[in-house]
Amino acid sequence: MRKLIYSFQVSLDGYIEDASGSIAFASPDAELHQYFNDYETEFDTHVYGRRLYEMMQYWETADQTDTDPIIVAYAKTWQALEKIVFSETMTAVKGNARLATRPLAEELAALKQAPGKKIAIGGATLAAEAVRLDLIDQYHVVIYPVLLGGGKRMFPLFEQSLSLRLVDQQTFASSCIALTYERVRTDSL
C-alpha cells in the first residue's frame, strides 16, 4: 500500500506562514532546493487544498521563465506529478491535475490502494483533516531557523495524541533541518 506523507516547511516556533500569510521565510538556498528536487522524485501524486494548489501554479511554467537549472528541474518534476485538488469553489484545474470528486478519506483510500509511488498531502486545512482522521503515514518537516511569533500553525488542535518515530534527519549548511517521522500505530508495534 502506498504511503501518505504530510510534507511542509515550518519556522522553529511551528508556523507554516507568518501573521500576514507570507511564506517568504521558507526560501531554500541551492543545497536545500536540490534536496527538495531529489525528495520529490519519491512521489507521483500530490493532494492539495485549493490555496496551496494556487500557490504552486508558479511551477506550471517555471521551466519556461527561469534559467536556474535547479528551478527548471523541480518544475519539470512537479509538472509530471498527478495532482488531486480539493476545493468547494474551483471548477477547473490546469496541467496534470484534477478536482477531487469524493470525500477526503475515500479519495485517499483509493489512492493508497492504487499502484505507484508515495502520495504527498499539502495545504494546512486539508492536511489538518487528514491528521484528525489519522490517515498520515509519515510527517516530513523542514524547519527553518526563524521565529515568526504568530501565523498559521503547522498542526491543528486535535483530541488524541499520535505517536511518531524518527526515521530520517538531515542538517543543511543554512541551519535548516529536515526530519521525517513515521506514524506508530498499535497494530504496527
N, C-alpha and C. Protein backbone atom coordinates (compact mmCIF):
# COMPACT_ATOMS: atom_id res chain seq x y z
N MET A 1 0.85 -1.18 0.00
CA MET A 1 0.00 0.00 0.00
C MET A 1 0.90 1.25 0.00
N ARG A 2 0.50 2.24 -0.78
CA ARG A 2 1.27 3.48 -0.87
C ARG A 2 1.16 4.26 0.44
N LYS A 3 2.22 5.00 0.76
CA LYS A 3 2.24 5.83 1.98
C LYS A 3 1.78 7.24 1.67
N LEU A 4 1.08 7.83 2.64
CA LEU A 4 0.65 9.22 2.58
C LEU A 4 1.57 10.04 3.48
N ILE A 5 2.20 11.06 2.89
CA ILE A 5 3.18 11.88 3.59
C ILE A 5 2.69 13.32 3.67
N TYR A 6 2.70 13.88 4.87
CA TYR A 6 2.41 15.31 5.05
C TYR A 6 3.76 16.01 5.10
N SER A 7 4.08 16.75 4.05
CA SER A 7 5.34 17.48 3.95
C SER A 7 5.07 18.97 4.07
N PHE A 8 5.92 19.66 4.82
CA PHE A 8 5.75 21.10 4.99
C PHE A 8 7.04 21.73 5.43
N GLN A 9 7.11 23.03 5.24
CA GLN A 9 8.23 23.85 5.70
C GLN A 9 7.69 24.72 6.82
N VAL A 10 8.48 24.87 7.88
CA VAL A 10 7.95 25.50 9.09
C VAL A 10 9.04 26.31 9.80
N SER A 11 8.60 27.33 10.53
CA SER A 11 9.52 28.08 11.39
C SER A 11 9.80 27.25 12.64
N LEU A 12 10.85 27.60 13.36
CA LEU A 12 11.20 26.86 14.57
C LEU A 12 10.06 26.88 15.59
N ASP A 13 9.26 27.96 15.59
CA ASP A 13 8.15 28.03 16.55
C ASP A 13 6.84 27.46 15.99
N GLY A 14 6.91 26.73 14.87
CA GLY A 14 5.79 25.92 14.43
C GLY A 14 4.80 26.54 13.48
N TYR A 15 5.21 27.58 12.72
CA TYR A 15 4.29 28.23 11.79
C TYR A 15 4.68 27.94 10.34
N ILE A 16 3.66 27.69 9.50
CA ILE A 16 3.92 27.46 8.09
C ILE A 16 3.77 28.73 7.27
N GLU A 17 3.20 29.77 7.88
CA GLU A 17 3.17 31.10 7.29
C GLU A 17 3.11 32.11 8.42
N ASP A 18 3.55 33.34 8.13
CA ASP A 18 3.55 34.35 9.17
C ASP A 18 2.16 34.96 9.33
N ALA A 19 2.05 35.93 10.23
CA ALA A 19 0.74 36.52 10.56
C ALA A 19 0.08 37.21 9.37
N SER A 20 0.87 37.62 8.37
CA SER A 20 0.30 38.27 7.19
C SER A 20 0.00 37.26 6.06
N GLY A 21 0.27 35.98 6.30
CA GLY A 21 0.01 34.95 5.29
C GLY A 21 1.19 34.67 4.38
N SER A 22 2.33 35.29 4.64
CA SER A 22 3.51 35.12 3.80
C SER A 22 4.28 33.85 4.16
N ILE A 23 4.86 33.22 3.15
CA ILE A 23 5.76 32.08 3.37
C ILE A 23 7.18 32.44 2.94
N ALA A 24 7.48 33.74 2.89
CA ALA A 24 8.78 34.21 2.43
C ALA A 24 9.93 33.67 3.27
N PHE A 25 9.67 33.35 4.53
CA PHE A 25 10.73 32.82 5.40
C PHE A 25 11.26 31.49 4.87
N ALA A 26 10.46 30.77 4.11
CA ALA A 26 10.80 29.44 3.62
C ALA A 26 11.38 29.54 2.21
N SER A 27 12.51 30.20 2.10
CA SER A 27 13.19 30.36 0.81
C SER A 27 14.46 29.51 0.82
N PRO A 28 14.41 28.35 0.20
CA PRO A 28 15.56 27.45 0.26
C PRO A 28 16.74 27.95 -0.56
N ASP A 29 17.94 27.73 -0.04
CA ASP A 29 19.14 28.00 -0.81
C ASP A 29 19.35 26.85 -1.80
N ALA A 30 20.43 26.89 -2.57
CA ALA A 30 20.65 25.88 -3.61
C ALA A 30 20.74 24.47 -3.04
N GLU A 31 21.44 24.30 -1.91
CA GLU A 31 21.58 22.97 -1.32
C GLU A 31 20.22 22.41 -0.90
N LEU A 32 19.43 23.22 -0.24
CA LEU A 32 18.12 22.76 0.22
C LEU A 32 17.17 22.54 -0.96
N HIS A 33 17.26 23.41 -1.96
CA HIS A 33 16.40 23.23 -3.13
C HIS A 33 16.73 21.92 -3.85
N GLN A 34 18.01 21.59 -3.94
CA GLN A 34 18.39 20.32 -4.55
C GLN A 34 17.85 19.15 -3.73
N TYR A 35 17.88 19.29 -2.42
CA TYR A 35 17.28 18.27 -1.55
C TYR A 35 15.81 18.08 -1.89
N PHE A 36 15.07 19.19 -2.04
CA PHE A 36 13.65 19.11 -2.41
C PHE A 36 13.48 18.45 -3.78
N ASN A 37 14.37 18.79 -4.73
CA ASN A 37 14.29 18.17 -6.06
C ASN A 37 14.43 16.65 -5.95
N ASP A 38 15.42 16.21 -5.19
CA ASP A 38 15.65 14.78 -5.03
C ASP A 38 14.50 14.11 -4.28
N TYR A 39 14.03 14.77 -3.24
CA TYR A 39 12.93 14.25 -2.42
C TYR A 39 11.66 14.07 -3.25
N GLU A 40 11.40 15.01 -4.12
CA GLU A 40 10.17 14.98 -4.93
C GLU A 40 10.10 13.76 -5.84
N THR A 41 11.23 13.17 -6.19
CA THR A 41 11.22 12.00 -7.07
C THR A 41 10.64 10.76 -6.38
N GLU A 42 10.44 10.81 -5.07
CA GLU A 42 9.84 9.69 -4.34
C GLU A 42 8.32 9.65 -4.50
N PHE A 43 7.75 10.68 -5.12
CA PHE A 43 6.30 10.84 -5.22
C PHE A 43 5.85 10.79 -6.67
N ASP A 44 4.59 10.42 -6.87
CA ASP A 44 3.98 10.60 -8.18
C ASP A 44 2.60 11.25 -8.07
N THR A 45 2.19 11.54 -6.83
CA THR A 45 0.88 12.15 -6.60
C THR A 45 0.96 13.17 -5.47
N HIS A 46 0.34 14.32 -5.70
CA HIS A 46 0.18 15.33 -4.65
C HIS A 46 -1.31 15.59 -4.46
N VAL A 47 -1.72 15.68 -3.22
CA VAL A 47 -3.09 16.02 -2.87
C VAL A 47 -3.04 17.40 -2.22
N TYR A 48 -3.77 18.35 -2.81
CA TYR A 48 -3.70 19.74 -2.39
C TYR A 48 -5.06 20.28 -1.97
N GLY A 49 -5.02 21.24 -1.06
CA GLY A 49 -6.15 22.12 -0.85
C GLY A 49 -6.07 23.22 -1.89
N ARG A 50 -7.14 23.95 -2.07
CA ARG A 50 -7.21 25.00 -3.11
C ARG A 50 -6.09 26.02 -2.99
N ARG A 51 -5.89 26.56 -1.80
CA ARG A 51 -4.93 27.65 -1.65
C ARG A 51 -3.50 27.21 -2.01
N LEU A 52 -3.07 26.06 -1.51
CA LEU A 52 -1.73 25.58 -1.84
C LEU A 52 -1.61 25.27 -3.32
N TYR A 53 -2.64 24.67 -3.90
CA TYR A 53 -2.61 24.40 -5.33
C TYR A 53 -2.40 25.71 -6.11
N GLU A 54 -3.13 26.74 -5.74
CA GLU A 54 -2.97 28.03 -6.43
C GLU A 54 -1.57 28.60 -6.23
N MET A 55 -1.00 28.46 -5.04
CA MET A 55 0.37 28.94 -4.80
C MET A 55 1.38 28.16 -5.64
N MET A 56 1.14 26.88 -5.85
CA MET A 56 2.07 26.03 -6.58
C MET A 56 1.99 26.22 -8.09
N GLN A 57 1.05 27.01 -8.58
CA GLN A 57 0.91 27.22 -10.01
C GLN A 57 2.16 27.84 -10.65
N TYR A 58 2.97 28.49 -9.86
CA TYR A 58 4.25 29.02 -10.36
C TYR A 58 5.02 27.93 -11.12
N TRP A 59 4.98 26.71 -10.58
CA TRP A 59 5.77 25.62 -11.15
C TRP A 59 5.23 25.11 -12.48
N GLU A 60 4.01 25.49 -12.81
CA GLU A 60 3.41 25.05 -14.08
C GLU A 60 4.19 25.59 -15.28
N THR A 61 4.82 26.76 -15.13
CA THR A 61 5.56 27.36 -16.25
C THR A 61 6.98 27.80 -15.86
N ALA A 62 7.43 27.48 -14.65
CA ALA A 62 8.74 27.95 -14.19
C ALA A 62 9.88 27.49 -15.09
N ASP A 63 9.74 26.33 -15.72
CA ASP A 63 10.79 25.85 -16.61
C ASP A 63 10.89 26.67 -17.88
N GLN A 64 9.87 27.48 -18.18
CA GLN A 64 9.88 28.34 -19.36
C GLN A 64 10.32 29.77 -19.03
N THR A 65 10.26 30.13 -17.76
CA THR A 65 10.54 31.52 -17.38
C THR A 65 11.79 31.68 -16.53
N ASP A 66 12.37 30.60 -16.04
CA ASP A 66 13.55 30.66 -15.18
C ASP A 66 14.68 29.89 -15.84
N THR A 67 15.92 30.34 -15.65
CA THR A 67 17.06 29.65 -16.25
C THR A 67 17.89 28.87 -15.24
N ASP A 68 17.60 28.99 -13.96
CA ASP A 68 18.34 28.26 -12.93
C ASP A 68 18.04 26.76 -13.10
N PRO A 69 19.09 25.94 -13.32
CA PRO A 69 18.87 24.51 -13.56
C PRO A 69 18.12 23.80 -12.42
N ILE A 70 18.32 24.23 -11.19
CA ILE A 70 17.63 23.61 -10.05
C ILE A 70 16.14 23.91 -10.12
N ILE A 71 15.79 25.15 -10.48
CA ILE A 71 14.38 25.55 -10.60
C ILE A 71 13.74 24.81 -11.77
N VAL A 72 14.42 24.77 -12.89
CA VAL A 72 13.89 24.09 -14.08
C VAL A 72 13.65 22.61 -13.79
N ALA A 73 14.60 21.97 -13.12
CA ALA A 73 14.45 20.55 -12.81
C ALA A 73 13.26 20.31 -11.89
N TYR A 74 13.10 21.16 -10.87
CA TYR A 74 11.96 20.99 -9.97
C TYR A 74 10.65 21.18 -10.72
N ALA A 75 10.59 22.21 -11.58
CA ALA A 75 9.37 22.48 -12.34
C ALA A 75 8.97 21.27 -13.18
N LYS A 76 9.93 20.68 -13.85
CA LYS A 76 9.61 19.53 -14.70
C LYS A 76 9.14 18.33 -13.88
N THR A 77 9.76 18.12 -12.73
CA THR A 77 9.32 17.04 -11.84
C THR A 77 7.91 17.31 -11.35
N TRP A 78 7.65 18.55 -10.91
CA TRP A 78 6.33 18.92 -10.38
C TRP A 78 5.25 18.79 -11.45
N GLN A 79 5.55 19.21 -12.66
CA GLN A 79 4.56 19.15 -13.74
C GLN A 79 4.13 17.71 -14.02
N ALA A 80 5.04 16.76 -13.87
CA ALA A 80 4.73 15.36 -14.16
C ALA A 80 3.88 14.70 -13.07
N LEU A 81 3.85 15.27 -11.89
CA LEU A 81 3.08 14.70 -10.78
C LEU A 81 1.58 14.78 -11.04
N GLU A 82 0.86 13.74 -10.66
CA GLU A 82 -0.60 13.82 -10.63
C GLU A 82 -0.98 14.69 -9.43
N LYS A 83 -1.90 15.62 -9.64
CA LYS A 83 -2.35 16.49 -8.57
C LYS A 83 -3.86 16.37 -8.41
N ILE A 84 -4.29 16.06 -7.20
CA ILE A 84 -5.71 16.00 -6.88
C ILE A 84 -6.00 17.18 -5.98
N VAL A 85 -6.96 18.01 -6.38
CA VAL A 85 -7.23 19.27 -5.69
C VAL A 85 -8.60 19.21 -5.03
N PHE A 86 -8.63 19.52 -3.75
CA PHE A 86 -9.88 19.62 -3.01
C PHE A 86 -10.28 21.09 -2.93
N SER A 87 -11.43 21.40 -3.48
CA SER A 87 -11.92 22.77 -3.46
C SER A 87 -13.43 22.77 -3.59
N GLU A 88 -14.05 23.66 -2.84
CA GLU A 88 -15.50 23.84 -2.96
C GLU A 88 -15.84 24.97 -3.92
N THR A 89 -14.82 25.72 -4.37
CA THR A 89 -15.08 26.89 -5.22
C THR A 89 -14.51 26.77 -6.62
N MET A 90 -13.49 25.95 -6.82
CA MET A 90 -12.88 25.83 -8.15
C MET A 90 -13.73 24.94 -9.05
N THR A 91 -13.76 25.28 -10.32
CA THR A 91 -14.48 24.45 -11.29
C THR A 91 -13.54 23.80 -12.31
N ALA A 92 -12.27 24.25 -12.33
CA ALA A 92 -11.30 23.69 -13.27
C ALA A 92 -9.89 23.84 -12.68
N VAL A 93 -9.00 22.95 -13.10
CA VAL A 93 -7.60 22.99 -12.73
C VAL A 93 -6.76 22.82 -13.99
N LYS A 94 -5.47 23.10 -13.89
CA LYS A 94 -4.60 23.07 -15.07
C LYS A 94 -3.62 21.91 -15.02
N GLY A 95 -3.02 21.65 -16.17
CA GLY A 95 -1.94 20.68 -16.26
C GLY A 95 -2.37 19.29 -15.86
N ASN A 96 -1.51 18.62 -15.15
CA ASN A 96 -1.72 17.23 -14.75
C ASN A 96 -2.47 17.18 -13.42
N ALA A 97 -3.61 17.85 -13.35
CA ALA A 97 -4.39 17.94 -12.12
C ALA A 97 -5.85 17.61 -12.39
N ARG A 98 -6.54 17.21 -11.32
CA ARG A 98 -7.99 17.01 -11.39
C ARG A 98 -8.59 17.41 -10.05
N LEU A 99 -9.84 17.79 -10.10
CA LEU A 99 -10.57 18.10 -8.88
C LEU A 99 -11.02 16.79 -8.21
N ALA A 100 -10.91 16.74 -6.90
CA ALA A 100 -11.38 15.57 -6.16
C ALA A 100 -12.89 15.46 -6.29
N THR A 101 -13.38 14.25 -6.39
CA THR A 101 -14.82 14.02 -6.54
C THR A 101 -15.42 13.28 -5.35
N ARG A 102 -14.58 12.82 -4.43
CA ARG A 102 -15.05 12.07 -3.27
C ARG A 102 -14.56 12.75 -1.99
N PRO A 103 -15.15 12.42 -0.85
CA PRO A 103 -14.64 12.94 0.42
C PRO A 103 -13.17 12.53 0.62
N LEU A 104 -12.44 13.28 1.43
CA LEU A 104 -11.01 13.07 1.61
C LEU A 104 -10.66 11.63 1.96
N ALA A 105 -11.30 11.04 2.95
CA ALA A 105 -10.96 9.68 3.37
C ALA A 105 -11.15 8.68 2.23
N GLU A 106 -12.20 8.83 1.45
CA GLU A 106 -12.45 7.93 0.32
C GLU A 106 -11.41 8.12 -0.78
N GLU A 107 -11.12 9.38 -1.10
CA GLU A 107 -10.13 9.68 -2.15
C GLU A 107 -8.77 9.12 -1.77
N LEU A 108 -8.36 9.33 -0.52
CA LEU A 108 -7.06 8.85 -0.07
C LEU A 108 -7.01 7.32 -0.03
N ALA A 109 -8.08 6.68 0.40
CA ALA A 109 -8.11 5.22 0.43
C ALA A 109 -7.92 4.65 -0.98
N ALA A 110 -8.58 5.24 -1.95
CA ALA A 110 -8.44 4.78 -3.34
C ALA A 110 -7.03 5.01 -3.85
N LEU A 111 -6.45 6.17 -3.55
CA LEU A 111 -5.08 6.46 -3.99
C LEU A 111 -4.08 5.50 -3.36
N LYS A 112 -4.25 5.22 -2.08
CA LYS A 112 -3.31 4.34 -1.38
C LYS A 112 -3.37 2.91 -1.92
N GLN A 113 -4.51 2.50 -2.42
CA GLN A 113 -4.66 1.15 -2.96
C GLN A 113 -4.14 1.04 -4.40
N ALA A 114 -4.05 2.16 -5.08
CA ALA A 114 -3.59 2.16 -6.48
C ALA A 114 -2.08 1.95 -6.55
N PRO A 115 -1.58 1.41 -7.64
CA PRO A 115 -0.14 1.26 -7.78
C PRO A 115 0.52 2.64 -7.93
N GLY A 116 1.77 2.73 -7.49
CA GLY A 116 2.50 3.98 -7.66
C GLY A 116 3.45 4.24 -6.51
N LYS A 117 4.00 5.44 -6.54
CA LYS A 117 4.94 5.89 -5.52
C LYS A 117 4.18 6.49 -4.34
N LYS A 118 4.92 7.15 -3.46
CA LYS A 118 4.33 7.82 -2.31
C LYS A 118 3.37 8.93 -2.74
N ILE A 119 2.48 9.29 -1.83
CA ILE A 119 1.50 10.36 -2.04
C ILE A 119 1.80 11.48 -1.04
N ALA A 120 1.88 12.70 -1.52
CA ALA A 120 2.09 13.86 -0.64
C ALA A 120 0.76 14.56 -0.44
N ILE A 121 0.52 15.06 0.76
CA ILE A 121 -0.65 15.87 1.03
C ILE A 121 -0.17 17.22 1.54
N GLY A 122 -0.80 18.28 1.06
CA GLY A 122 -0.39 19.62 1.47
C GLY A 122 -1.56 20.57 1.50
N GLY A 123 -1.34 21.64 2.22
CA GLY A 123 -2.39 22.60 2.49
C GLY A 123 -2.83 22.38 3.92
N ALA A 124 -2.64 23.39 4.76
CA ALA A 124 -2.84 23.21 6.20
C ALA A 124 -4.25 22.75 6.55
N THR A 125 -5.26 23.29 5.92
CA THR A 125 -6.63 22.92 6.26
C THR A 125 -6.93 21.49 5.84
N LEU A 126 -6.55 21.14 4.63
CA LEU A 126 -6.77 19.79 4.13
C LEU A 126 -5.97 18.78 4.95
N ALA A 127 -4.70 19.07 5.18
CA ALA A 127 -3.86 18.16 5.96
C ALA A 127 -4.39 18.02 7.38
N ALA A 128 -4.94 19.10 7.95
CA ALA A 128 -5.50 19.02 9.30
C ALA A 128 -6.60 17.98 9.37
N GLU A 129 -7.42 17.91 8.34
CA GLU A 129 -8.48 16.90 8.31
C GLU A 129 -7.87 15.50 8.27
N ALA A 130 -6.82 15.31 7.46
CA ALA A 130 -6.16 14.01 7.37
C ALA A 130 -5.49 13.64 8.69
N VAL A 131 -4.93 14.63 9.39
CA VAL A 131 -4.33 14.38 10.71
C VAL A 131 -5.41 13.94 11.69
N ARG A 132 -6.52 14.67 11.73
CA ARG A 132 -7.61 14.33 12.65
C ARG A 132 -8.16 12.93 12.36
N LEU A 133 -8.19 12.54 11.10
CA LEU A 133 -8.67 11.21 10.72
C LEU A 133 -7.59 10.13 10.86
N ASP A 134 -6.38 10.54 11.24
CA ASP A 134 -5.22 9.65 11.42
C ASP A 134 -4.92 8.86 10.15
N LEU A 135 -4.87 9.59 9.02
CA LEU A 135 -4.60 8.99 7.73
C LEU A 135 -3.15 9.15 7.28
N ILE A 136 -2.38 9.98 7.98
CA ILE A 136 -1.00 10.28 7.58
C ILE A 136 -0.08 9.14 8.04
N ASP A 137 0.76 8.65 7.13
CA ASP A 137 1.73 7.60 7.46
C ASP A 137 3.07 8.17 7.89
N GLN A 138 3.46 9.30 7.29
CA GLN A 138 4.72 9.96 7.66
C GLN A 138 4.54 11.46 7.65
N TYR A 139 5.33 12.11 8.50
CA TYR A 139 5.39 13.57 8.56
C TYR A 139 6.80 13.98 8.19
N HIS A 140 6.92 14.81 7.17
CA HIS A 140 8.22 15.29 6.71
C HIS A 140 8.24 16.80 6.88
N VAL A 141 9.13 17.28 7.72
CA VAL A 141 9.15 18.71 8.04
C VAL A 141 10.56 19.25 7.82
N VAL A 142 10.63 20.41 7.17
CA VAL A 142 11.89 21.15 7.07
C VAL A 142 11.72 22.37 7.96
N ILE A 143 12.57 22.45 8.97
CA ILE A 143 12.50 23.53 9.95
C ILE A 143 13.52 24.60 9.59
N TYR A 144 13.02 25.85 9.46
CA TYR A 144 13.88 26.99 9.17
C TYR A 144 14.28 27.67 10.48
N PRO A 145 15.50 28.17 10.56
CA PRO A 145 15.97 28.80 11.80
C PRO A 145 15.45 30.24 11.93
N VAL A 146 14.15 30.34 12.14
CA VAL A 146 13.50 31.64 12.29
C VAL A 146 12.32 31.48 13.24
N LEU A 147 12.08 32.50 14.04
CA LEU A 147 10.90 32.55 14.91
C LEU A 147 9.94 33.58 14.34
N LEU A 148 8.73 33.18 14.03
CA LEU A 148 7.75 34.09 13.44
C LEU A 148 6.84 34.73 14.48
N GLY A 149 6.64 34.08 15.61
CA GLY A 149 5.84 34.65 16.67
C GLY A 149 4.34 34.61 16.46
N GLY A 150 3.89 34.14 15.32
CA GLY A 150 2.46 34.05 15.04
C GLY A 150 2.24 33.70 13.58
N GLY A 151 1.01 33.35 13.25
CA GLY A 151 0.67 32.99 11.88
C GLY A 151 -0.17 31.73 11.87
N LYS A 152 -0.05 30.95 10.80
CA LYS A 152 -0.79 29.69 10.68
C LYS A 152 0.07 28.56 11.21
N ARG A 153 -0.46 27.83 12.16
CA ARG A 153 0.26 26.71 12.78
C ARG A 153 0.33 25.53 11.82
N MET A 154 1.39 24.73 11.97
CA MET A 154 1.55 23.59 11.09
C MET A 154 0.60 22.46 11.45
N PHE A 155 0.16 22.40 12.69
CA PHE A 155 -0.75 21.35 13.11
C PHE A 155 -2.02 21.94 13.69
N PRO A 156 -3.13 21.27 13.47
CA PRO A 156 -4.39 21.70 14.07
C PRO A 156 -4.44 21.24 15.52
N LEU A 157 -5.44 21.70 16.22
CA LEU A 157 -5.73 21.12 17.53
C LEU A 157 -6.47 19.82 17.28
N PHE A 158 -6.08 18.78 17.97
CA PHE A 158 -6.79 17.51 17.85
C PHE A 158 -6.85 16.85 19.21
N GLU A 159 -7.77 15.92 19.35
CA GLU A 159 -8.10 15.37 20.66
C GLU A 159 -7.13 14.31 21.14
N GLN A 160 -6.69 13.42 20.31
CA GLN A 160 -5.84 12.33 20.77
C GLN A 160 -4.40 12.58 20.34
N SER A 161 -3.45 12.06 21.13
CA SER A 161 -2.06 12.17 20.74
C SER A 161 -1.75 11.12 19.68
N LEU A 162 -0.76 11.41 18.86
CA LEU A 162 -0.34 10.49 17.80
C LEU A 162 1.14 10.18 18.02
N SER A 163 1.47 8.94 18.22
CA SER A 163 2.86 8.54 18.45
C SER A 163 3.61 8.48 17.13
N LEU A 164 4.83 9.01 17.16
CA LEU A 164 5.68 9.06 15.96
C LEU A 164 7.06 8.50 16.29
N ARG A 165 7.76 8.04 15.24
CA ARG A 165 9.12 7.55 15.38
C ARG A 165 9.98 8.23 14.32
N LEU A 166 11.11 8.81 14.72
CA LEU A 166 12.03 9.46 13.79
C LEU A 166 12.66 8.40 12.90
N VAL A 167 12.56 8.60 11.57
CA VAL A 167 13.13 7.64 10.64
C VAL A 167 14.22 8.25 9.76
N ASP A 168 14.32 9.58 9.74
CA ASP A 168 15.37 10.21 8.95
C ASP A 168 15.56 11.65 9.42
N GLN A 169 16.79 12.12 9.33
CA GLN A 169 17.10 13.51 9.65
C GLN A 169 18.29 13.98 8.83
N GLN A 170 18.28 15.25 8.49
CA GLN A 170 19.38 15.83 7.72
C GLN A 170 19.51 17.29 8.10
N THR A 171 20.75 17.74 8.27
CA THR A 171 21.03 19.14 8.60
C THR A 171 21.73 19.77 7.40
N PHE A 172 21.40 21.03 7.12
CA PHE A 172 21.94 21.74 5.96
C PHE A 172 22.83 22.89 6.41
N ALA A 173 23.70 23.36 5.53
CA ALA A 173 24.60 24.47 5.85
C ALA A 173 23.83 25.73 6.25
N SER A 174 22.60 25.87 5.77
CA SER A 174 21.77 27.04 6.09
C SER A 174 21.18 26.97 7.49
N SER A 175 21.49 25.91 8.24
CA SER A 175 20.95 25.63 9.57
C SER A 175 19.52 25.12 9.54
N CYS A 176 18.99 24.83 8.35
CA CYS A 176 17.69 24.16 8.26
C CYS A 176 17.89 22.69 8.61
N ILE A 177 16.82 22.08 9.10
CA ILE A 177 16.84 20.67 9.45
C ILE A 177 15.63 20.00 8.80
N ALA A 178 15.86 18.86 8.17
CA ALA A 178 14.77 18.05 7.63
C ALA A 178 14.59 16.83 8.52
N LEU A 179 13.37 16.62 8.96
CA LEU A 179 13.04 15.49 9.82
C LEU A 179 11.89 14.70 9.20
N THR A 180 11.99 13.38 9.27
CA THR A 180 10.90 12.53 8.81
C THR A 180 10.51 11.61 9.96
N TYR A 181 9.22 11.65 10.29
CA TYR A 181 8.66 10.82 11.35
C TYR A 181 7.63 9.88 10.75
N GLU A 182 7.63 8.66 11.24
CA GLU A 182 6.66 7.66 10.82
C GLU A 182 5.61 7.52 11.91
N ARG A 183 4.37 7.39 11.50
CA ARG A 183 3.27 7.20 12.45
C ARG A 183 3.39 5.80 13.05
N VAL A 184 3.39 5.72 14.38
CA VAL A 184 3.44 4.44 15.07
C VAL A 184 2.01 4.10 15.49
N ARG A 185 1.50 3.05 14.91
CA ARG A 185 0.14 2.59 15.25
C ARG A 185 0.26 1.34 16.10
N THR A 186 -0.67 1.13 17.00
CA THR A 186 -0.59 0.00 17.92
C THR A 186 -0.51 -1.33 17.18
N ASP A 187 -1.13 -1.42 16.00
CA ASP A 187 -1.08 -2.66 15.23
C ASP A 187 0.28 -2.87 14.56
N SER A 188 1.17 -1.82 14.61
CA SER A 188 2.49 -1.97 13.98
C SER A 188 3.60 -2.11 15.01
N LEU A 189 3.26 -2.25 16.28
CA LEU A 189 4.29 -2.41 17.33
C LEU A 189 4.79 -3.82 17.41
